[in-house]
Amino acid sequence: MNQSCIIEYECTYLLKYVPNDLKNYPWDEISDIYIPQNTEHPKLRMRKRGSKYEICKKYPVYEGDASQQHEFTIPITKEEFQELNENLQGKRARKHRYSYKYKSKLVEIDVYLDDLKGLILADVEFTSDQKKANFSQPDFCLADVTQEKVTAGGMLVGKNIVILNQF
């Protein structure tokens, strides 16, 4: 079995606007199930991304710093995913993840669906803390929300987004 444990360095941004050419970039539909369901911030996730399936556990390297995460991933088969999916009572979310190029850097832009429709976040991953520190926030981003607990996947699931067009 091919499994991996890495340290992920990342920044998460709330978008100010959607880049005009985003629809020209490749995307996958992602379905996440976070468990256990009754935990405020579940760190164990089962994911379907396109035709790939996995179970992943993410938790901070240093408590209180969401920019560095231990990420332990185990690939699973479609059949394993389907059986677990039918029986799990976890918190669920779906999104379209675009693989967007910005100044030679890959930016993963997540456009949430269903109860989280209207929320769009961007993640940028790095190979070191120094490279992360040297990166400038893209112009289409409003704010760095890396350290905001509310924007973590395990915290978002089970919530609703309300978009007000006018007062």
N, C-alpha and C. Protein backbone atom coordinates (compact mmCIF):
# COMPACT_ATOMS: atom_id res chain seq x y z
N MET A 1 0.85 -1.18 0.00
CA MET A 1 0.00 0.00 0.00
C MET A 1 0.89 1.24 0.00
N ASN A 2 0.52 2.22 -0.79
CA ASN A 2 1.29 3.44 -0.91
C ASN A 2 0.70 4.49 0.02
N GLN A 3 1.40 4.82 1.08
CA GLN A 3 0.92 5.81 2.02
C GLN A 3 2.03 6.82 2.26
N SER A 4 1.67 8.02 2.69
CA SER A 4 2.70 9.03 2.89
C SER A 4 2.33 9.92 4.06
N CYS A 5 3.37 10.40 4.73
CA CYS A 5 3.20 11.40 5.77
C CYS A 5 4.16 12.53 5.44
N ILE A 6 3.63 13.70 5.20
CA ILE A 6 4.45 14.85 4.84
C ILE A 6 4.13 16.01 5.77
N ILE A 7 4.97 17.01 5.73
CA ILE A 7 4.65 18.28 6.38
C ILE A 7 4.27 19.22 5.25
N GLU A 8 3.07 19.76 5.34
CA GLU A 8 2.54 20.65 4.33
C GLU A 8 2.65 22.09 4.82
N TYR A 9 3.26 22.93 3.99
CA TYR A 9 3.36 24.36 4.27
C TYR A 9 2.36 25.04 3.34
N GLU A 10 1.42 25.79 3.90
CA GLU A 10 0.43 26.41 3.02
C GLU A 10 -0.10 27.71 3.57
N CYS A 11 -0.66 28.50 2.64
CA CYS A 11 -1.41 29.71 2.98
C CYS A 11 -2.79 29.56 2.37
N THR A 12 -3.79 30.05 3.08
CA THR A 12 -5.16 30.04 2.60
C THR A 12 -5.65 31.47 2.54
N TYR A 13 -6.31 31.80 1.41
CA TYR A 13 -6.78 33.16 1.18
C TYR A 13 -8.27 33.16 0.87
N LEU A 14 -8.95 34.21 1.33
CA LEU A 14 -10.32 34.49 0.93
C LEU A 14 -10.23 35.34 -0.33
N LEU A 15 -11.00 34.99 -1.36
CA LEU A 15 -10.91 35.73 -2.61
C LEU A 15 -11.65 37.05 -2.55
N LYS A 16 -11.06 38.05 -3.20
CA LYS A 16 -11.67 39.37 -3.39
C LYS A 16 -12.54 39.33 -4.64
N TYR A 17 -12.01 38.64 -5.66
CA TYR A 17 -12.74 38.43 -6.91
C TYR A 17 -12.21 37.16 -7.57
N VAL A 18 -13.00 36.60 -8.47
CA VAL A 18 -12.61 35.39 -9.20
C VAL A 18 -11.83 35.82 -10.43
N PRO A 19 -10.62 35.28 -10.64
CA PRO A 19 -9.87 35.64 -11.85
C PRO A 19 -10.70 35.36 -13.10
N ASN A 20 -10.66 36.29 -14.05
CA ASN A 20 -11.48 36.19 -15.27
C ASN A 20 -11.28 34.90 -16.03
N ASP A 21 -10.07 34.37 -16.05
CA ASP A 21 -9.76 33.19 -16.85
C ASP A 21 -9.83 31.88 -16.06
N LEU A 22 -10.39 31.90 -14.86
CA LEU A 22 -10.40 30.69 -14.03
C LEU A 22 -11.06 29.51 -14.74
N LYS A 23 -12.13 29.75 -15.46
CA LYS A 23 -12.85 28.64 -16.12
C LYS A 23 -12.03 27.97 -17.21
N ASN A 24 -10.92 28.57 -17.61
CA ASN A 24 -10.03 27.97 -18.62
C ASN A 24 -9.05 26.97 -18.01
N TYR A 25 -9.04 26.86 -16.69
CA TYR A 25 -8.08 25.99 -16.00
C TYR A 25 -8.75 24.67 -15.62
N PRO A 26 -7.94 23.60 -15.50
CA PRO A 26 -8.52 22.30 -15.14
C PRO A 26 -9.07 22.31 -13.71
N TRP A 27 -10.10 21.50 -13.50
CA TRP A 27 -10.70 21.39 -12.16
C TRP A 27 -11.19 19.97 -11.94
N ASP A 28 -11.33 19.64 -10.66
CA ASP A 28 -11.89 18.37 -10.22
C ASP A 28 -13.01 18.68 -9.25
N GLU A 29 -14.04 17.81 -9.23
CA GLU A 29 -15.03 17.90 -8.17
C GLU A 29 -14.51 17.08 -7.00
N ILE A 30 -14.55 17.66 -5.82
CA ILE A 30 -14.07 17.01 -4.60
C ILE A 30 -15.26 16.82 -3.66
N SER A 31 -15.37 15.61 -3.14
CA SER A 31 -16.35 15.30 -2.09
C SER A 31 -15.57 14.89 -0.85
N ASP A 32 -15.78 15.60 0.23
CA ASP A 32 -15.10 15.33 1.50
C ASP A 32 -16.11 14.87 2.54
N ILE A 33 -15.68 13.92 3.35
CA ILE A 33 -16.46 13.48 4.51
C ILE A 33 -15.52 13.56 5.71
N TYR A 34 -15.85 14.42 6.67
CA TYR A 34 -15.02 14.59 7.87
C TYR A 34 -15.64 13.80 9.02
N ILE A 35 -14.77 13.09 9.73
CA ILE A 35 -15.22 12.28 10.86
C ILE A 35 -14.29 12.49 12.05
N PRO A 36 -14.81 12.33 13.26
CA PRO A 36 -16.18 11.99 13.65
C PRO A 36 -17.12 13.19 13.49
N GLN A 37 -18.36 12.89 13.24
CA GLN A 37 -19.38 13.89 12.97
C GLN A 37 -19.60 14.84 14.13
N ASN A 38 -19.51 14.36 15.36
CA ASN A 38 -19.84 15.18 16.53
C ASN A 38 -18.67 15.98 17.07
N THR A 39 -17.55 15.97 16.37
CA THR A 39 -16.39 16.75 16.78
C THR A 39 -16.47 18.15 16.16
N GLU A 40 -16.15 19.17 16.94
CA GLU A 40 -16.21 20.54 16.41
C GLU A 40 -15.30 20.69 15.19
N HIS A 41 -14.07 20.19 15.26
CA HIS A 41 -13.11 20.33 14.17
C HIS A 41 -12.48 18.97 13.85
N PRO A 42 -13.20 18.13 13.09
CA PRO A 42 -12.64 16.82 12.75
C PRO A 42 -11.38 16.96 11.89
N LYS A 43 -10.41 16.12 12.15
CA LYS A 43 -9.14 16.17 11.42
C LYS A 43 -8.95 14.97 10.50
N LEU A 44 -9.88 14.03 10.55
CA LEU A 44 -9.83 12.85 9.69
C LEU A 44 -10.84 13.04 8.56
N ARG A 45 -10.37 12.82 7.32
CA ARG A 45 -11.20 13.09 6.16
C ARG A 45 -11.10 11.96 5.15
N MET A 46 -12.24 11.62 4.56
CA MET A 46 -12.26 10.71 3.43
C MET A 46 -12.61 11.57 2.22
N ARG A 47 -11.86 11.38 1.12
CA ARG A 47 -12.02 12.26 -0.03
C ARG A 47 -12.12 11.50 -1.34
N LYS A 48 -13.00 12.01 -2.19
CA LYS A 48 -13.06 11.60 -3.59
C LYS A 48 -12.69 12.84 -4.40
N ARG A 49 -11.63 12.75 -5.18
CA ARG A 49 -11.21 13.85 -6.05
C ARG A 49 -11.09 13.28 -7.46
N GLY A 50 -12.09 13.59 -8.29
CA GLY A 50 -12.12 12.99 -9.62
C GLY A 50 -12.25 11.49 -9.49
N SER A 51 -11.26 10.76 -9.99
CA SER A 51 -11.28 9.29 -9.90
C SER A 51 -10.30 8.77 -8.84
N LYS A 52 -9.84 9.65 -7.96
CA LYS A 52 -8.92 9.25 -6.89
C LYS A 52 -9.65 9.29 -5.55
N TYR A 53 -9.27 8.35 -4.69
CA TYR A 53 -9.93 8.21 -3.39
C TYR A 53 -8.85 8.08 -2.32
N GLU A 54 -9.10 8.68 -1.15
CA GLU A 54 -8.10 8.61 -0.08
C GLU A 54 -8.74 8.89 1.27
N ILE A 55 -8.00 8.47 2.29
CA ILE A 55 -8.30 8.85 3.67
C ILE A 55 -7.10 9.66 4.12
N CYS A 56 -7.37 10.79 4.77
CA CYS A 56 -6.29 11.70 5.15
C CYS A 56 -6.52 12.21 6.57
N LYS A 57 -5.43 12.33 7.31
CA LYS A 57 -5.48 12.96 8.63
C LYS A 57 -4.51 14.12 8.62
N LYS A 58 -5.01 15.32 8.96
CA LYS A 58 -4.20 16.53 9.01
C LYS A 58 -4.29 17.14 10.40
N TYR A 59 -3.14 17.54 10.91
CA TYR A 59 -3.12 18.24 12.19
C TYR A 59 -1.87 19.11 12.25
N PRO A 60 -1.92 20.21 13.00
CA PRO A 60 -0.81 21.16 13.01
C PRO A 60 0.49 20.57 13.56
N VAL A 61 1.60 21.00 12.95
CA VAL A 61 2.92 20.65 13.47
C VAL A 61 3.11 21.34 14.82
N TYR A 62 2.72 22.62 14.87
CA TYR A 62 2.79 23.40 16.09
C TYR A 62 1.38 23.87 16.44
N GLU A 63 0.93 23.57 17.63
CA GLU A 63 -0.41 23.96 18.06
C GLU A 63 -0.59 25.46 17.87
N GLY A 64 -1.69 25.85 17.24
CA GLY A 64 -1.98 27.26 17.02
C GLY A 64 -1.42 27.82 15.72
N ASP A 65 -0.72 27.01 14.90
CA ASP A 65 -0.18 27.46 13.61
C ASP A 65 -0.70 26.55 12.51
N ALA A 66 -1.70 27.03 11.79
CA ALA A 66 -2.32 26.23 10.73
C ALA A 66 -1.52 26.22 9.43
N SER A 67 -0.43 26.98 9.36
CA SER A 67 0.35 27.06 8.11
C SER A 67 1.28 25.87 7.92
N GLN A 68 1.49 25.08 8.96
CA GLN A 68 2.31 23.87 8.85
C GLN A 68 1.51 22.70 9.42
N GLN A 69 1.24 21.72 8.57
CA GLN A 69 0.39 20.60 8.96
C GLN A 69 1.08 19.27 8.67
N HIS A 70 0.97 18.34 9.61
CA HIS A 70 1.29 16.95 9.31
C HIS A 70 0.14 16.46 8.44
N GLU A 71 0.45 15.79 7.36
CA GLU A 71 -0.60 15.23 6.50
C GLU A 71 -0.25 13.78 6.21
N PHE A 72 -1.09 12.88 6.70
CA PHE A 72 -0.90 11.45 6.53
C PHE A 72 -2.01 10.96 5.61
N THR A 73 -1.65 10.39 4.46
CA THR A 73 -2.62 10.01 3.44
C THR A 73 -2.50 8.54 3.08
N ILE A 74 -3.66 7.88 2.98
CA ILE A 74 -3.72 6.49 2.55
C ILE A 74 -4.66 6.42 1.35
N PRO A 75 -4.14 6.00 0.18
CA PRO A 75 -5.04 5.81 -0.97
C PRO A 75 -5.99 4.64 -0.71
N ILE A 76 -7.22 4.76 -1.18
CA ILE A 76 -8.18 3.66 -1.08
C ILE A 76 -8.81 3.46 -2.47
N THR A 77 -9.49 2.35 -2.64
CA THR A 77 -10.13 2.05 -3.93
C THR A 77 -11.51 2.69 -3.99
N LYS A 78 -12.05 2.73 -5.19
CA LYS A 78 -13.41 3.23 -5.39
C LYS A 78 -14.41 2.41 -4.58
N GLU A 79 -14.22 1.10 -4.58
CA GLU A 79 -15.13 0.21 -3.84
C GLU A 79 -15.06 0.48 -2.34
N GLU A 80 -13.85 0.68 -1.82
CA GLU A 80 -13.70 1.00 -0.39
C GLU A 80 -14.39 2.32 -0.08
N PHE A 81 -14.17 3.32 -0.95
CA PHE A 81 -14.81 4.62 -0.74
C PHE A 81 -16.33 4.49 -0.74
N GLN A 82 -16.86 3.78 -1.72
CA GLN A 82 -18.32 3.65 -1.83
C GLN A 82 -18.92 2.98 -0.60
N GLU A 83 -18.28 1.93 -0.11
CA GLU A 83 -18.82 1.24 1.06
C GLU A 83 -18.74 2.13 2.30
N LEU A 84 -17.60 2.78 2.49
CA LEU A 84 -17.48 3.69 3.63
C LEU A 84 -18.45 4.86 3.51
N ASN A 85 -18.59 5.39 2.31
CA ASN A 85 -19.49 6.52 2.06
C ASN A 85 -20.93 6.20 2.44
N GLU A 86 -21.36 5.00 2.16
CA GLU A 86 -22.74 4.58 2.49
C GLU A 86 -22.97 4.47 3.99
N ASN A 87 -21.91 4.22 4.75
CA ASN A 87 -22.06 3.94 6.18
C ASN A 87 -21.58 5.04 7.11
N LEU A 88 -20.86 6.02 6.60
CA LEU A 88 -20.32 7.08 7.46
C LEU A 88 -21.36 8.15 7.76
N GLN A 89 -21.33 8.64 8.97
CA GLN A 89 -22.23 9.70 9.40
C GLN A 89 -21.49 11.03 9.52
N GLY A 90 -20.38 11.18 8.81
CA GLY A 90 -19.55 12.37 8.93
C GLY A 90 -20.16 13.61 8.31
N LYS A 91 -19.48 14.73 8.54
CA LYS A 91 -19.85 16.03 7.97
C LYS A 91 -19.36 16.06 6.52
N ARG A 92 -20.20 16.53 5.60
CA ARG A 92 -19.89 16.44 4.17
C ARG A 92 -19.83 17.82 3.51
N ALA A 93 -18.94 17.91 2.52
CA ALA A 93 -18.82 19.13 1.72
C ALA A 93 -18.39 18.74 0.31
N ARG A 94 -18.85 19.55 -0.67
CA ARG A 94 -18.43 19.37 -2.06
C ARG A 94 -17.91 20.70 -2.58
N LYS A 95 -16.96 20.60 -3.49
CA LYS A 95 -16.39 21.82 -4.09
C LYS A 95 -15.77 21.47 -5.43
N HIS A 96 -15.59 22.50 -6.23
CA HIS A 96 -14.80 22.38 -7.46
C HIS A 96 -13.44 22.99 -7.15
N ARG A 97 -12.39 22.22 -7.40
CA ARG A 97 -11.02 22.71 -7.16
C ARG A 97 -10.35 22.97 -8.50
N TYR A 98 -10.03 24.23 -8.72
CA TYR A 98 -9.34 24.65 -9.93
C TYR A 98 -7.84 24.69 -9.66
N SER A 99 -7.06 24.22 -10.62
CA SER A 99 -5.59 24.28 -10.55
C SER A 99 -5.15 25.49 -11.37
N TYR A 100 -4.99 26.61 -10.69
CA TYR A 100 -4.76 27.91 -11.32
C TYR A 100 -3.28 28.30 -11.23
N LYS A 101 -2.72 28.77 -12.33
CA LYS A 101 -1.32 29.23 -12.34
C LYS A 101 -1.30 30.73 -12.08
N TYR A 102 -0.50 31.13 -11.09
CA TYR A 102 -0.32 32.54 -10.75
C TYR A 102 1.17 32.78 -10.57
N LYS A 103 1.75 33.55 -11.47
CA LYS A 103 3.19 33.87 -11.40
C LYS A 103 4.02 32.60 -11.19
N SER A 104 3.82 31.60 -12.00
CA SER A 104 4.53 30.31 -12.00
C SER A 104 4.27 29.46 -10.74
N LYS A 105 3.30 29.84 -9.94
CA LYS A 105 2.95 29.08 -8.74
C LYS A 105 1.54 28.50 -8.91
N LEU A 106 1.36 27.25 -8.49
CA LEU A 106 0.04 26.63 -8.53
C LEU A 106 -0.79 27.13 -7.35
N VAL A 107 -1.97 27.65 -7.65
CA VAL A 107 -2.91 28.10 -6.64
C VAL A 107 -4.16 27.23 -6.81
N GLU A 108 -4.54 26.53 -5.75
CA GLU A 108 -5.75 25.70 -5.80
C GLU A 108 -6.92 26.55 -5.32
N ILE A 109 -7.84 26.84 -6.24
CA ILE A 109 -8.99 27.68 -5.91
C ILE A 109 -10.20 26.77 -5.73
N ASP A 110 -10.76 26.80 -4.52
CA ASP A 110 -11.90 25.97 -4.17
C ASP A 110 -13.19 26.78 -4.23
N VAL A 111 -14.08 26.36 -5.12
CA VAL A 111 -15.40 26.97 -5.25
C VAL A 111 -16.38 26.00 -4.61
N TYR A 112 -16.89 26.36 -3.45
CA TYR A 112 -17.74 25.46 -2.68
C TYR A 112 -19.15 25.38 -3.26
N LEU A 113 -19.78 24.24 -3.03
CA LEU A 113 -21.11 23.94 -3.54
C LEU A 113 -22.07 23.70 -2.37
N ASP A 114 -23.32 23.46 -2.68
CA ASP A 114 -24.35 23.08 -1.71
C ASP A 114 -24.49 24.13 -0.61
N ASP A 115 -24.42 23.74 0.66
CA ASP A 115 -24.62 24.68 1.78
C ASP A 115 -23.56 25.76 1.86
N LEU A 116 -22.40 25.53 1.26
CA LEU A 116 -21.30 26.50 1.31
C LEU A 116 -21.18 27.30 0.01
N LYS A 117 -22.20 27.21 -0.85
CA LYS A 117 -22.17 27.92 -2.13
C LYS A 117 -21.99 29.41 -1.90
N GLY A 118 -21.06 29.99 -2.63
CA GLY A 118 -20.73 31.41 -2.47
C GLY A 118 -19.37 31.60 -1.82
N LEU A 119 -18.86 30.58 -1.16
CA LEU A 119 -17.55 30.65 -0.52
C LEU A 119 -16.49 30.20 -1.52
N ILE A 120 -15.46 31.01 -1.68
CA ILE A 120 -14.35 30.67 -2.56
C ILE A 120 -13.05 30.97 -1.81
N LEU A 121 -12.23 29.94 -1.67
CA LEU A 121 -10.94 30.06 -0.99
C LEU A 121 -9.82 29.61 -1.93
N ALA A 122 -8.63 30.12 -1.70
CA ALA A 122 -7.46 29.72 -2.47
C ALA A 122 -6.39 29.19 -1.53
N ASP A 123 -5.79 28.06 -1.88
CA ASP A 123 -4.69 27.48 -1.12
C ASP A 123 -3.44 27.48 -1.98
N VAL A 124 -2.33 27.84 -1.35
CA VAL A 124 -1.02 27.78 -2.01
C VAL A 124 -0.12 26.96 -1.12
N GLU A 125 0.48 25.92 -1.69
CA GLU A 125 1.37 25.04 -0.93
C GLU A 125 2.82 25.34 -1.29
N PHE A 126 3.70 25.10 -0.32
CA PHE A 126 5.12 25.40 -0.47
C PHE A 126 5.95 24.21 0.01
N THR A 127 7.21 24.18 -0.40
CA THR A 127 8.11 23.10 0.02
C THR A 127 8.89 23.45 1.28
N SER A 128 8.81 24.71 1.72
CA SER A 128 9.50 25.10 2.94
C SER A 128 8.82 26.32 3.55
N ASP A 129 9.10 26.54 4.81
CA ASP A 129 8.57 27.70 5.51
C ASP A 129 9.14 28.99 4.91
N GLN A 130 10.40 28.96 4.49
CA GLN A 130 11.04 30.14 3.89
C GLN A 130 10.35 30.52 2.58
N LYS A 131 10.05 29.53 1.72
CA LYS A 131 9.37 29.83 0.46
C LYS A 131 7.97 30.39 0.73
N LYS A 132 7.32 29.88 1.76
CA LYS A 132 6.01 30.41 2.14
C LYS A 132 6.13 31.87 2.58
N ALA A 133 7.13 32.18 3.36
CA ALA A 133 7.33 33.53 3.86
C ALA A 133 7.65 34.52 2.73
N ASN A 134 8.27 34.05 1.67
CA ASN A 134 8.66 34.92 0.55
C ASN A 134 7.54 35.12 -0.49
N PHE A 135 6.41 34.47 -0.31
CA PHE A 135 5.32 34.55 -1.27
C PHE A 135 4.44 35.76 -0.96
N SER A 136 4.05 36.49 -2.00
CA SER A 136 3.15 37.63 -1.84
C SER A 136 1.73 37.22 -2.20
N GLN A 137 0.79 37.67 -1.40
CA GLN A 137 -0.62 37.37 -1.62
C GLN A 137 -1.03 37.78 -3.03
N PRO A 138 -1.72 36.91 -3.77
CA PRO A 138 -2.20 37.27 -5.11
C PRO A 138 -3.16 38.46 -5.06
N ASP A 139 -3.18 39.25 -6.13
CA ASP A 139 -4.02 40.45 -6.18
C ASP A 139 -5.51 40.13 -6.14
N PHE A 140 -5.91 38.91 -6.54
CA PHE A 140 -7.33 38.55 -6.52
C PHE A 140 -7.78 38.07 -5.14
N CYS A 141 -6.89 38.09 -4.17
CA CYS A 141 -7.22 37.66 -2.81
C CYS A 141 -7.46 38.86 -1.91
N LEU A 142 -8.42 38.72 -1.03
CA LEU A 142 -8.79 39.79 -0.10
C LEU A 142 -7.98 39.73 1.18
N ALA A 143 -7.85 38.50 1.74
CA ALA A 143 -7.21 38.37 3.05
C ALA A 143 -6.59 36.99 3.22
N ASP A 144 -5.49 36.96 3.97
CA ASP A 144 -4.87 35.70 4.35
C ASP A 144 -5.66 35.17 5.55
N VAL A 145 -6.30 34.01 5.37
CA VAL A 145 -7.13 33.43 6.44
C VAL A 145 -6.55 32.11 6.93
N THR A 146 -5.25 31.92 6.71
CA THR A 146 -4.58 30.67 7.08
C THR A 146 -4.80 30.33 8.54
N GLN A 147 -4.71 31.30 9.41
CA GLN A 147 -4.80 31.05 10.85
C GLN A 147 -6.22 31.13 11.40
N GLU A 148 -7.19 31.38 10.53
CA GLU A 148 -8.58 31.47 10.96
C GLU A 148 -9.19 30.07 11.04
N LYS A 149 -9.53 29.62 12.22
CA LYS A 149 -10.08 28.27 12.39
C LYS A 149 -11.34 28.05 11.56
N VAL A 150 -12.14 29.08 11.40
CA VAL A 150 -13.42 28.94 10.72
C VAL A 150 -13.27 28.54 9.25
N THR A 151 -12.11 28.78 8.63
CA THR A 151 -11.93 28.44 7.21
C THR A 151 -11.27 27.08 7.01
N ALA A 152 -10.96 26.37 8.07
CA ALA A 152 -10.41 25.02 7.94
C ALA A 152 -11.52 24.09 7.46
N GLY A 153 -11.17 23.15 6.58
CA GLY A 153 -12.17 22.24 6.01
C GLY A 153 -13.03 21.57 7.05
N GLY A 154 -12.41 21.06 8.11
CA GLY A 154 -13.15 20.36 9.15
C GLY A 154 -14.08 21.28 9.94
N MET A 155 -13.82 22.58 9.92
CA MET A 155 -14.69 23.54 10.61
C MET A 155 -15.80 24.02 9.69
N LEU A 156 -15.55 24.09 8.40
CA LEU A 156 -16.54 24.58 7.44
C LEU A 156 -17.72 23.63 7.26
N VAL A 157 -17.40 22.33 7.25
CA VAL A 157 -18.45 21.35 6.97
C VAL A 157 -19.57 21.43 8.00
N GLY A 158 -20.78 21.30 7.51
CA GLY A 158 -21.93 21.38 8.39
C GLY A 158 -22.44 22.79 8.60
N LYS A 159 -21.75 23.77 8.00
CA LYS A 159 -22.17 25.17 8.12
C LYS A 159 -22.94 25.57 6.87
N ASN A 160 -23.61 26.71 6.92
CA ASN A 160 -24.31 27.30 5.79
C ASN A 160 -23.73 28.68 5.53
N ILE A 161 -23.63 29.04 4.28
CA ILE A 161 -23.20 30.38 3.90
C ILE A 161 -24.42 31.14 3.41
N VAL A 162 -24.59 32.36 3.89
CA VAL A 162 -25.69 33.19 3.44
C VAL A 162 -25.09 34.37 2.69
N ILE A 163 -25.47 34.52 1.43
CA ILE A 163 -25.00 35.62 0.61
C ILE A 163 -26.11 36.64 0.50
N LEU A 164 -25.83 37.87 0.93
CA LEU A 164 -26.82 38.94 0.84
C LEU A 164 -26.50 39.81 -0.37
N ASN A 165 -27.40 39.88 -1.32
CA ASN A 165 -27.19 40.70 -2.49
C ASN A 165 -27.54 42.16 -2.25
N GLN A 166 -28.44 42.40 -1.34
CA GLN A 166 -28.81 43.77 -1.00
C GLN A 166 -29.40 43.78 0.41
N PHE A 167 -29.40 44.93 1.01
CA PHE A 167 -29.94 45.06 2.36
C PHE A 167 -31.37 45.48 2.31
